[in-house]
Amino acid sequence: MEMALVPGIELLRHAHENGYAIGSFNINNMEIVQAIVAAAEAERSPVMLQSSQGAIQYAGAPYLAAMVKAAAEEATVPIALHLDHGTDFEVAVRCLRHGWTSLMYDGSKYPLEENIARTRKVVEMAHAVGVSVEGELGKIGGVEEQVVVSEREALFTDPTEAETFVRETGVDYLAVAIGTAHGLYKGRPDLDFPRLAEIHRRVGIPIVLHGGSGVPEDQVREAIRLGVAKINIDTELRQAFLEALRRELDARPNELDPRKVLGPGRAAMTERVREKMRLFGSSGRA
């Protein structure tokens, strides 16, 4: 059965209502797209493929869209194409034009009122063509933001502000800052579950966890229990791909065929994605 790309909210609504989470995995090239979709097929799992603005700059919006659409046409599981951390209205417009089915607008660096106004503008545009939108409130640490640990608490999402933000923007899902970070953790993450529970109680929509790589499995399961329905994974997938690639390059210093070294990277990434889908409870849901 051929599948077209589906709106992000279709996947997340079902996950949210049934107590599991959809993995949203970053894509940069063909092998990565293939690795993630192969995992989704093997696990019978719905999946989101997400592109950062950097990935769009690297590969080009038309290329990324064409690869994901080709994958979706062959796939028998539902796939959404998501813009990760869109900070630029023009990029959001370009993604809509090329067929993205989910957009994130990240206005978290702005004061609340300005974040609301900017996010609402993206929501109005996207909803007009049936595309769902993720907003962000609070700042998520790590590579994305230069965050000093002593400021950690001040950057967390305020539950009262979250309620106002969701009501006034009309976003479909909300990225929150509860103690995860982008990139690699220095030590064990410690998520603020009471805060997550209170945010979810107030907003009632699917919650998104950024910086999902390296979060202990028990904390992932608890976050899903408390309303997280989308978990972003990038760093762990890159690690799996590049470790396999380096092994192959070391083992075959005279290799002249890129496929011989990229193929094992792709296979390693597929395995890592499958592990995540089982952990998130999305396996067997397609």
C-alpha atoms as a PDB file:
ATOM      1  CA  MET A   1       0.000   0.000   0.000  1.00  0.00           C
ATOM      2  CA  GLU A   2       1.467   3.366  -0.979  1.00  0.00           C
ATOM      3  CA  MET A   3       1.595   6.026   1.716  1.00  0.00           C
ATOM      4  CA  ALA A   4       1.726   9.776   1.258  1.00  0.00           C
ATOM      5  CA  LEU A   5       3.288  11.965   3.937  1.00  0.00           C
ATOM      6  CA  VAL A   6       0.857  12.603   6.799  1.00  0.00           C
ATOM      7  CA  PRO A   7       0.425  15.692   9.019  1.00  0.00           C
ATOM      8  CA  GLY A   8       2.464  15.471  12.202  1.00  0.00           C
ATOM      9  CA  ILE A   9      -0.575  15.831  14.463  1.00  0.00           C
ATOM     10  CA  GLU A  10      -2.127  12.658  12.999  1.00  0.00           C
ATOM     11  CA  LEU A  11       0.785  10.632  14.365  1.00  0.00           C
ATOM     12  CA  LEU A  12       1.089  12.513  17.637  1.00  0.00           C
ATOM     13  CA  ARG A  13      -2.600  12.567  18.475  1.00  0.00           C
ATOM     14  CA  HIS A  14      -2.782   8.767  18.354  1.00  0.00           C
ATOM     15  CA  ALA A  15       0.452   8.430  20.363  1.00  0.00           C
ATOM     16  CA  HIS A  16      -0.780  10.955  22.943  1.00  0.00           C
ATOM     17  CA  GLU A  17      -4.134   9.220  23.366  1.00  0.00           C
ATOM     18  CA  ASN A  18      -2.575   5.755  23.604  1.00  0.00           C
ATOM     19  CA  GLY A  19       0.415   6.399  25.862  1.00  0.00           C
ATOM     20  CA  TYR A  20       3.381   5.987  23.546  1.00  0.00           C
ATOM     21  CA  ALA A  21       5.729   8.390  21.735  1.00  0.00           C
ATOM     22  CA  ILE A  22       6.767   8.937  18.125  1.00  0.00           C
ATOM     23  CA  GLY A  23      10.480   9.152  17.451  1.00  0.00           C
ATOM     24  CA  SER A  24      11.476  12.198  15.422  1.00  0.00           C
ATOM     25  CA  PHE A  25      14.856  11.496  13.839  1.00  0.00           C
ATOM     26  CA  ASN A  26      17.125  14.001  12.087  1.00  0.00           C
ATOM     27  CA  ILE A  27      17.961  13.510   8.412  1.00  0.00           C
ATOM     28  CA  ASN A  28      20.838  14.959   6.370  1.00  0.00           C
ATOM     29  CA  ASN A  29      21.349  12.626   3.413  1.00  0.00           C
ATOM     30  CA  MET A  30      19.926   9.644   1.534  1.00  0.00           C
ATOM     31  CA  GLU A  31      21.516   6.925   3.681  1.00  0.00           C
ATOM     32  CA  ILE A  32      20.058   8.446   6.850  1.00  0.00           C
ATOM     33  CA  VAL A  33      16.563   8.696   5.327  1.00  0.00           C
ATOM     34  CA  GLN A  34      16.814   5.061   4.225  1.00  0.00           C
ATOM     35  CA  ALA A  35      18.121   3.904   7.616  1.00  0.00           C
ATOM     36  CA  ILE A  36      15.254   5.485   9.555  1.00  0.00           C
ATOM     37  CA  VAL A  37      12.529   4.320   7.158  1.00  0.00           C
ATOM     38  CA  ALA A  38      13.968   0.771   7.123  1.00  0.00           C
ATOM     39  CA  ALA A  39      13.750   0.760  10.929  1.00  0.00           C
ATOM     40  CA  ALA A  40      10.144   2.008  10.833  1.00  0.00           C
ATOM     41  CA  GLU A  41       9.202  -0.731   8.356  1.00  0.00           C
ATOM     42  CA  ALA A  42      10.940  -3.435  10.399  1.00  0.00           C
ATOM     43  CA  GLU A  43       9.254  -2.273  13.619  1.00  0.00           C
ATOM     44  CA  ARG A  44       5.860  -1.477  12.016  1.00  0.00           C
ATOM     45  CA  SER A  45       6.195   1.963  13.576  1.00  0.00           C
ATOM     46  CA  PRO A  46       4.933   5.400  12.531  1.00  0.00           C
ATOM     47  CA  VAL A  47       7.853   7.830  12.293  1.00  0.00           C
ATOM     48  CA  MET A  48       8.782  11.496  11.895  1.00  0.00           C
ATOM     49  CA  LEU A  49      11.787  12.465   9.814  1.00  0.00           C
ATOM     50  CA  GLN A  50      13.005  15.911  10.787  1.00  0.00           C
ATOM     51  CA  SER A  51      15.350  18.365   9.146  1.00  0.00           C
ATOM     52  CA  SER A  52      17.147  21.179  10.898  1.00  0.00           C
ATOM     53  CA  GLN A  53      17.764  24.472   9.114  1.00  0.00           C
ATOM     54  CA  GLY A  54      21.389  23.310   8.829  1.00  0.00           C
ATOM     55  CA  ALA A  55      20.297  20.129   7.037  1.00  0.00           C
ATOM     56  CA  ILE A  56      18.235  22.197   4.607  1.00  0.00           C
ATOM     57  CA  GLN A  57      21.274  24.385   3.989  1.00  0.00           C
ATOM     58  CA  TYR A  58      23.443  21.267   3.464  1.00  0.00           C
ATOM     59  CA  ALA A  59      21.176  19.173   1.238  1.00  0.00           C
ATOM     60  CA  GLY A  60      18.625  21.686  -0.055  1.00  0.00           C
ATOM     61  CA  ALA A  61      14.884  21.649   0.632  1.00  0.00           C
ATOM     62  CA  PRO A  62      13.978  20.121  -2.777  1.00  0.00           C
ATOM     63  CA  TYR A  63      16.427  17.207  -2.288  1.00  0.00           C
ATOM     64  CA  LEU A  64      15.306  16.432   1.279  1.00  0.00           C
ATOM     65  CA  ALA A  65      11.635  16.630   0.319  1.00  0.00           C
ATOM     66  CA  ALA A  66      12.124  14.444  -2.758  1.00  0.00           C
ATOM     67  CA  MET A  67      14.000  11.763  -0.804  1.00  0.00           C
ATOM     68  CA  VAL A  68      11.426  11.638   1.973  1.00  0.00           C
ATOM     69  CA  LYS A  69       8.506  11.590  -0.476  1.00  0.00           C
ATOM     70  CA  ALA A  70      10.181   8.738  -2.386  1.00  0.00           C
ATOM     71  CA  ALA A  71      10.603   6.853   0.887  1.00  0.00           C
ATOM     72  CA  ALA A  72       6.987   7.502   1.892  1.00  0.00           C
ATOM     73  CA  GLU A  73       5.671   6.261  -1.441  1.00  0.00           C
ATOM     74  CA  GLU A  74       7.468   2.942  -0.976  1.00  0.00           C
ATOM     75  CA  ALA A  75       6.724   2.689   2.747  1.00  0.00           C
ATOM     76  CA  THR A  76       3.777   0.891   4.339  1.00  0.00           C
ATOM     77  CA  VAL A  77       4.008   2.877   7.586  1.00  0.00           C
ATOM     78  CA  PRO A  78       2.907   6.510   8.118  1.00  0.00           C
ATOM     79  CA  ILE A  79       5.670   9.117   7.827  1.00  0.00           C
ATOM     80  CA  ALA A  80       5.629  12.845   8.611  1.00  0.00           C
ATOM     81  CA  LEU A  81       8.304  15.330   7.490  1.00  0.00           C
ATOM     82  CA  HIS A  82       9.068  17.876  10.217  1.00  0.00           C
ATOM     83  CA  LEU A  83      11.089  21.104  10.335  1.00  0.00           C
ATOM     84  CA  ASP A  84      13.199  21.020  13.519  1.00  0.00           C
ATOM     85  CA  HIS A  85      14.020  24.331  15.244  1.00  0.00           C
ATOM     86  CA  GLY A  86      12.799  26.646  12.535  1.00  0.00           C
ATOM     87  CA  THR A  87      13.768  30.130  13.700  1.00  0.00           C
ATOM     88  CA  ASP A  88      13.124  31.875  10.415  1.00  0.00           C
ATOM     89  CA  PHE A  89       9.691  32.592   8.924  1.00  0.00           C
ATOM     90  CA  GLU A  90      11.093  32.336   5.377  1.00  0.00           C
ATOM     91  CA  VAL A  91      12.421  28.817   6.054  1.00  0.00           C
ATOM     92  CA  ALA A  92       8.963  27.800   7.301  1.00  0.00           C
ATOM     93  CA  VAL A  93       7.431  29.154   4.075  1.00  0.00           C
ATOM     94  CA  ARG A  94       9.986  27.263   1.967  1.00  0.00           C
ATOM     95  CA  CYS A  95       9.279  24.008   3.824  1.00  0.00           C
ATOM     96  CA  LEU A  96       5.532  24.417   3.304  1.00  0.00           C
ATOM     97  CA  ARG A  97       6.126  25.030  -0.382  1.00  0.00           C
ATOM     98  CA  HIS A  98       8.151  21.821  -0.699  1.00  0.00           C
ATOM     99  CA  GLY A  99       5.691  19.609   1.160  1.00  0.00           C
ATOM    100  CA  TRP A 100       6.754  19.407   4.822  1.00  0.00           C
ATOM    101  CA  THR A 101       3.810  18.161   6.898  1.00  0.00           C
ATOM    102  CA  SER A 102       4.909  19.498  10.291  1.00  0.00           C
ATOM    103  CA  LEU A 103       6.771  22.680  11.252  1.00  0.00           C
ATOM    104  CA  MET A 104       8.508  23.729  14.412  1.00  0.00           C
ATOM    105  CA  TYR A 105       8.770  27.426  15.013  1.00  0.00           C
ATOM    106  CA  ASP A 106      11.282  28.085  17.788  1.00  0.00           C
ATOM    107  CA  GLY A 107      10.777  31.568  19.221  1.00  0.00           C
ATOM    108  CA  SER A 108      12.059  30.556  22.663  1.00  0.00           C
ATOM    109  CA  LYS A 109      14.776  33.241  22.636  1.00  0.00           C
ATOM    110  CA  TYR A 110      12.127  35.997  22.546  1.00  0.00           C
ATOM    111  CA  PRO A 111      10.073  37.364  25.447  1.00  0.00           C
ATOM    112  CA  LEU A 112       6.747  35.532  25.900  1.00  0.00           C
ATOM    113  CA  GLU A 113       4.556  38.045  24.038  1.00  0.00           C
ATOM    114  CA  GLU A 114       6.866  38.162  21.029  1.00  0.00           C
ATOM    115  CA  ASN A 115       7.254  34.367  20.973  1.00  0.00           C
ATOM    116  CA  ILE A 116       3.430  34.101  20.966  1.00  0.00           C
ATOM    117  CA  ALA A 117       3.031  36.642  18.143  1.00  0.00           C
ATOM    118  CA  ARG A 118       5.713  35.064  15.934  1.00  0.00           C
ATOM    119  CA  THR A 119       4.545  31.496  16.579  1.00  0.00           C
ATOM    120  CA  ARG A 120       0.902  32.392  15.926  1.00  0.00           C
ATOM    121  CA  LYS A 121       1.874  33.787  12.509  1.00  0.00           C
ATOM    122  CA  VAL A 122       3.431  30.422  11.551  1.00  0.00           C
ATOM    123  CA  VAL A 123       0.440  28.513  12.978  1.00  0.00           C
ATOM    124  CA  GLU A 124      -2.053  30.554  10.931  1.00  0.00           C
ATOM    125  CA  MET A 125      -0.076  29.990   7.733  1.00  0.00           C
ATOM    126  CA  ALA A 126       0.523  26.254   8.314  1.00  0.00           C
ATOM    127  CA  HIS A 127      -2.997  25.439   9.510  1.00  0.00           C
ATOM    128  CA  ALA A 128      -4.381  27.085   6.355  1.00  0.00           C
ATOM    129  CA  VAL A 129      -2.803  24.232   4.344  1.00  0.00           C
ATOM    130  CA  GLY A 130      -3.367  21.415   6.854  1.00  0.00           C
ATOM    131  CA  VAL A 131       0.143  21.346   8.331  1.00  0.00           C
ATOM    132  CA  SER A 132       0.636  21.042  12.102  1.00  0.00           C
ATOM    133  CA  VAL A 133       2.970  23.170  14.225  1.00  0.00           C
ATOM    134  CA  GLU A 134       5.249  22.702  17.232  1.00  0.00           C
ATOM    135  CA  GLY A 135       6.145  25.668  19.426  1.00  0.00           C
ATOM    136  CA  GLU A 136       8.844  25.961  22.087  1.00  0.00           C
ATOM    137  CA  LEU A 137       8.764  27.601  25.486  1.00  0.00           C
ATOM    138  CA  GLY A 138      11.792  27.659  27.757  1.00  0.00           C
ATOM    139  CA  LYS A 139      15.355  27.130  26.534  1.00  0.00           C
ATOM    140  CA  ILE A 140      16.818  23.669  26.007  1.00  0.00           C
ATOM    141  CA  GLY A 141      20.513  23.574  26.849  1.00  0.00           C
ATOM    142  CA  GLY A 142      23.525  22.153  25.078  1.00  0.00           C
ATOM    143  CA  VAL A 143      24.923  22.758  21.628  1.00  0.00           C
ATOM    144  CA  GLU A 144      21.932  24.857  20.616  1.00  0.00           C
ATOM    145  CA  GLU A 145      22.215  27.409  23.371  1.00  0.00           C
ATOM    146  CA  GLN A 146      25.264  28.504  25.347  1.00  0.00           C
ATOM    147  CA  VAL A 147      23.763  27.753  28.735  1.00  0.00           C
ATOM    148  CA  VAL A 148      25.511  28.147  32.086  1.00  0.00           C
ATOM    149  CA  VAL A 149      24.439  25.442  34.544  1.00  0.00           C
ATOM    150  CA  SER A 150      23.619  27.944  37.303  1.00  0.00           C
ATOM    151  CA  GLU A 151      20.976  29.423  34.987  1.00  0.00           C
ATOM    152  CA  ARG A 152      19.378  26.005  34.499  1.00  0.00           C
ATOM    153  CA  GLU A 153      16.273  26.609  36.583  1.00  0.00           C
ATOM    154  CA  ALA A 154      15.542  29.994  34.988  1.00  0.00           C
ATOM    155  CA  LEU A 155      15.448  28.372  31.542  1.00  0.00           C
ATOM    156  CA  PHE A 156      12.853  25.748  32.433  1.00  0.00           C
ATOM    157  CA  THR A 157       9.355  26.053  30.994  1.00  0.00           C
ATOM    158  CA  ASP A 158       6.900  27.830  33.292  1.00  0.00           C
ATOM    159  CA  PRO A 159       3.587  25.860  33.431  1.00  0.00           C
ATOM    160  CA  THR A 160       1.433  29.011  33.674  1.00  0.00           C
ATOM    161  CA  GLU A 161       3.197  30.598  30.693  1.00  0.00           C
ATOM    162  CA  ALA A 162       2.815  27.308  28.794  1.00  0.00           C
ATOM    163  CA  GLU A 163      -0.957  27.435  29.271  1.00  0.00           C
ATOM    164  CA  THR A 164      -1.094  31.022  27.959  1.00  0.00           C
ATOM    165  CA  PHE A 165       1.255  30.218  25.072  1.00  0.00           C
ATOM    166  CA  VAL A 166      -0.750  27.210  23.839  1.00  0.00           C
ATOM    167  CA  ARG A 167      -4.073  29.021  24.168  1.00  0.00           C
ATOM    168  CA  GLU A 168      -2.893  32.123  22.310  1.00  0.00           C
ATOM    169  CA  THR A 169      -0.823  30.475  19.549  1.00  0.00           C
ATOM    170  CA  GLY A 170      -2.943  27.436  18.696  1.00  0.00           C
ATOM    171  CA  VAL A 171       0.134  25.178  18.415  1.00  0.00           C
ATOM    172  CA  ASP A 172      -0.534  21.452  18.021  1.00  0.00           C
ATOM    173  CA  TYR A 173       2.344  20.246  20.199  1.00  0.00           C
ATOM    174  CA  LEU A 174       4.738  21.946  22.604  1.00  0.00           C
ATOM    175  CA  ALA A 175       8.486  21.531  23.157  1.00  0.00           C
ATOM    176  CA  VAL A 176       9.355  22.091  26.813  1.00  0.00           C
ATOM    177  CA  ALA A 177      12.563  22.564  28.778  1.00  0.00           C
ATOM    178  CA  ILE A 178      12.556  20.185  31.759  1.00  0.00           C
ATOM    179  CA  GLY A 179      16.265  19.295  31.979  1.00  0.00           C
ATOM    180  CA  THR A 180      17.230  17.661  28.672  1.00  0.00           C
ATOM    181  CA  ALA A 181      20.043  19.021  26.513  1.00  0.00           C
ATOM    182  CA  HIS A 182      21.101  18.873  22.878  1.00  0.00           C
ATOM    183  CA  GLY A 183      24.248  16.890  22.149  1.00  0.00           C
ATOM    184  CA  LEU A 184      26.086  14.680  24.653  1.00  0.00           C
ATOM    185  CA  TYR A 185      25.356  14.770  28.380  1.00  0.00           C
ATOM    186  CA  LYS A 186      28.094  15.461  30.884  1.00  0.00           C
ATOM    187  CA  GLY A 187      26.707  13.237  33.621  1.00  0.00           C
ATOM    188  CA  ARG A 188      23.210  11.783  34.051  1.00  0.00           C
ATOM    189  CA  PRO A 189      20.229  13.906  32.956  1.00  0.00           C
ATOM    190  CA  ASP A 190      17.741  14.598  35.719  1.00  0.00           C
ATOM    191  CA  LEU A 191      14.331  15.501  34.327  1.00  0.00           C
ATOM    192  CA  ASP A 192      11.863  17.646  36.250  1.00  0.00           C
ATOM    193  CA  PHE A 193       8.819  15.347  36.218  1.00  0.00           C
ATOM    194  CA  PRO A 194       6.557  17.384  38.536  1.00  0.00           C
ATOM    195  CA  ARG A 195       7.012  20.347  36.166  1.00  0.00           C
ATOM    196  CA  LEU A 196       6.247  18.140  33.143  1.00  0.00           C
ATOM    197  CA  ALA A 197       3.091  16.772  34.797  1.00  0.00           C
ATOM    198  CA  GLU A 198       1.871  20.287  35.638  1.00  0.00           C
ATOM    199  CA  ILE A 199       2.558  21.597  32.105  1.00  0.00           C
ATOM    200  CA  HIS A 200       0.701  18.666  30.565  1.00  0.00           C
ATOM    201  CA  ARG A 201      -2.227  19.091  32.957  1.00  0.00           C
ATOM    202  CA  ARG A 202      -2.556  22.719  31.908  1.00  0.00           C
ATOM    203  CA  VAL A 203      -2.067  22.431  28.135  1.00  0.00           C
ATOM    204  CA  GLY A 204      -3.574  19.017  27.354  1.00  0.00           C
ATOM    205  CA  ILE A 205      -1.725  18.685  24.017  1.00  0.00           C
ATOM    206  CA  PRO A 206       1.181  16.370  23.063  1.00  0.00           C
ATOM    207  CA  ILE A 207       4.479  17.402  24.671  1.00  0.00           C
ATOM    208  CA  VAL A 208       7.804  17.209  22.807  1.00  0.00           C
ATOM    209  CA  LEU A 209      11.093  16.211  24.406  1.00  0.00           C
ATOM    210  CA  HIS A 210      14.170  17.622  22.672  1.00  0.00           C
ATOM    211  CA  GLY A 211      17.646  16.288  23.387  1.00  0.00           C
ATOM    212  CA  GLY A 212      16.414  12.712  23.743  1.00  0.00           C
ATOM    213  CA  SER A 213      19.812  11.099  23.023  1.00  0.00           C
ATOM    214  CA  GLY A 214      21.341   9.690  26.186  1.00  0.00           C
ATOM    215  CA  VAL A 215      18.296  10.101  28.462  1.00  0.00           C
ATOM    216  CA  PRO A 216      18.081   6.970  30.677  1.00  0.00           C
ATOM    217  CA  GLU A 217      15.348   4.541  29.635  1.00  0.00           C
ATOM    218  CA  ASP A 218      13.416   4.776  32.915  1.00  0.00           C
ATOM    219  CA  GLN A 219      13.225   8.569  32.547  1.00  0.00           C
ATOM    220  CA  VAL A 220      12.071   8.246  28.922  1.00  0.00           C
ATOM    221  CA  ARG A 221       9.239   5.914  29.980  1.00  0.00           C
ATOM    222  CA  GLU A 222       8.171   8.238  32.791  1.00  0.00           C
ATOM    223  CA  ALA A 223       8.190  11.255  30.441  1.00  0.00           C
ATOM    224  CA  ILE A 224       5.907   9.366  28.022  1.00  0.00           C
ATOM    225  CA  ARG A 225       3.595   8.439  30.904  1.00  0.00           C
ATOM    226  CA  LEU A 226       3.341  12.156  31.749  1.00  0.00           C
ATOM    227  CA  GLY A 227       2.315  13.337  28.262  1.00  0.00           C
ATOM    228  CA  VAL A 228       5.426  13.319  26.038  1.00  0.00           C
ATOM    229  CA  ALA A 229       4.345  12.046  22.595  1.00  0.00           C
ATOM    230  CA  LYS A 230       7.319  13.122  20.421  1.00  0.00           C
ATOM    231  CA  ILE A 231      10.968  12.519  21.255  1.00  0.00           C
ATOM    232  CA  ASN A 232      13.767  13.995  19.147  1.00  0.00           C
ATOM    233  CA  ILE A 233      16.867  11.871  18.562  1.00  0.00           C
ATOM    234  CA  ASP A 234      19.900  12.960  16.563  1.00  0.00           C
ATOM    235  CA  THR A 235      23.249  12.603  18.384  1.00  0.00           C
ATOM    236  CA  GLU A 236      22.945   8.866  19.131  1.00  0.00           C
ATOM    237  CA  LEU A 237      22.096   8.145  15.495  1.00  0.00           C
ATOM    238  CA  ARG A 238      25.074  10.121  14.234  1.00  0.00           C
ATOM    239  CA  GLN A 239      27.284   8.216  16.657  1.00  0.00           C
ATOM    240  CA  ALA A 240      26.051   4.821  15.408  1.00  0.00           C
ATOM    241  CA  PHE A 241      26.498   5.842  11.767  1.00  0.00           C
ATOM    242  CA  LEU A 242      29.966   7.359  12.179  1.00  0.00           C
ATOM    243  CA  GLU A 243      31.351   4.590  14.420  1.00  0.00           C
ATOM    244  CA  ALA A 244      30.468   2.019  11.755  1.00  0.00           C
ATOM    245  CA  LEU A 245      31.863   4.285   9.031  1.00  0.00           C
ATOM    246  CA  ARG A 246      35.174   4.750  10.884  1.00  0.00           C
ATOM    247  CA  ARG A 247      35.475   0.992  11.465  1.00  0.00           C
ATOM    248  CA  GLU A 248      35.031   0.337   7.743  1.00  0.00           C
ATOM    249  CA  LEU A 249      37.491   3.075   6.735  1.00  0.00           C
ATOM    250  CA  ASP A 250      40.099   1.696   9.170  1.00  0.00           C
ATOM    251  CA  ALA A 251      39.546  -1.865   7.949  1.00  0.00           C
ATOM    252  CA  ARG A 252      39.726  -0.908   4.236  1.00  0.00           C
ATOM    253  CA  PRO A 253      42.223   1.942   3.843  1.00  0.00           C
ATOM    254  CA  ASN A 254      42.355   1.405   0.062  1.00  0.00           C
ATOM    255  CA  GLU A 255      38.592   1.234  -0.525  1.00  0.00           C
ATOM    256  CA  LEU A 256      37.449   3.416  -3.424  1.00  0.00           C
ATOM    257  CA  ASP A 257      33.699   2.673  -3.342  1.00  0.00           C
ATOM    258  CA  PRO A 258      31.779   4.994  -0.960  1.00  0.00           C
ATOM    259  CA  ARG A 259      28.879   2.491  -0.868  1.00  0.00           C
ATOM    260  CA  LYS A 260      31.095  -0.085   0.846  1.00  0.00           C
ATOM    261  CA  VAL A 261      31.649   2.224   3.824  1.00  0.00           C
ATOM    262  CA  LEU A 262      28.316   4.080   3.860  1.00  0.00           C
ATOM    263  CA  GLY A 263      26.245   0.868   3.752  1.00  0.00           C
ATOM    264  CA  PRO A 264      27.424  -0.391   7.170  1.00  0.00           C
ATOM    265  CA  GLY A 265      26.814   3.098   8.613  1.00  0.00           C
ATOM    266  CA  ARG A 266      23.257   2.956   7.340  1.00  0.00           C
ATOM    267  CA  ALA A 267      22.740  -0.533   8.826  1.00  0.00           C
ATOM    268  CA  ALA A 268      24.106   0.538  12.219  1.00  0.00           C
ATOM    269  CA  MET A 269      21.787   3.540  12.303  1.00  0.00           C
ATOM    270  CA  THR A 270      18.782   1.356  11.453  1.00  0.00           C
ATOM    271  CA  GLU A 271      19.504  -0.828  14.488  1.00  0.00           C
ATOM    272  CA  ARG A 272      19.769   2.185  16.799  1.00  0.00           C
ATOM    273  CA  VAL A 273      16.477   3.624  15.512  1.00  0.00           C
ATOM    274  CA  ARG A 274      14.747   0.256  16.043  1.00  0.00           C
ATOM    275  CA  GLU A 275      15.901   0.250  19.684  1.00  0.00           C
ATOM    276  CA  LYS A 276      14.414   3.709  20.169  1.00  0.00           C
ATOM    277  CA  MET A 277      11.086   2.757  18.589  1.00  0.00           C
ATOM    278  CA  ARG A 278      10.771  -0.210  20.964  1.00  0.00           C
ATOM    279  CA  LEU A 279      11.620   2.004  23.937  1.00  0.00           C
ATOM    280  CA  PHE A 280       9.102   4.676  22.876  1.00  0.00           C
ATOM    281  CA  GLY A 281       6.330   2.080  22.466  1.00  0.00           C
ATOM    282  CA  SER A 282       5.699   2.982  18.812  1.00  0.00           C
ATOM    283  CA  SER A 283       6.643  -0.480  17.485  1.00  0.00           C
ATOM    284  CA  GLY A 284       3.660  -2.351  16.100  1.00  0.00           C
ATOM    285  CA  ARG A 285       1.496   0.801  15.992  1.00  0.00           C
ATOM    286  CA  ALA A 286       1.490   1.261  12.197  1.00  0.00           C
END
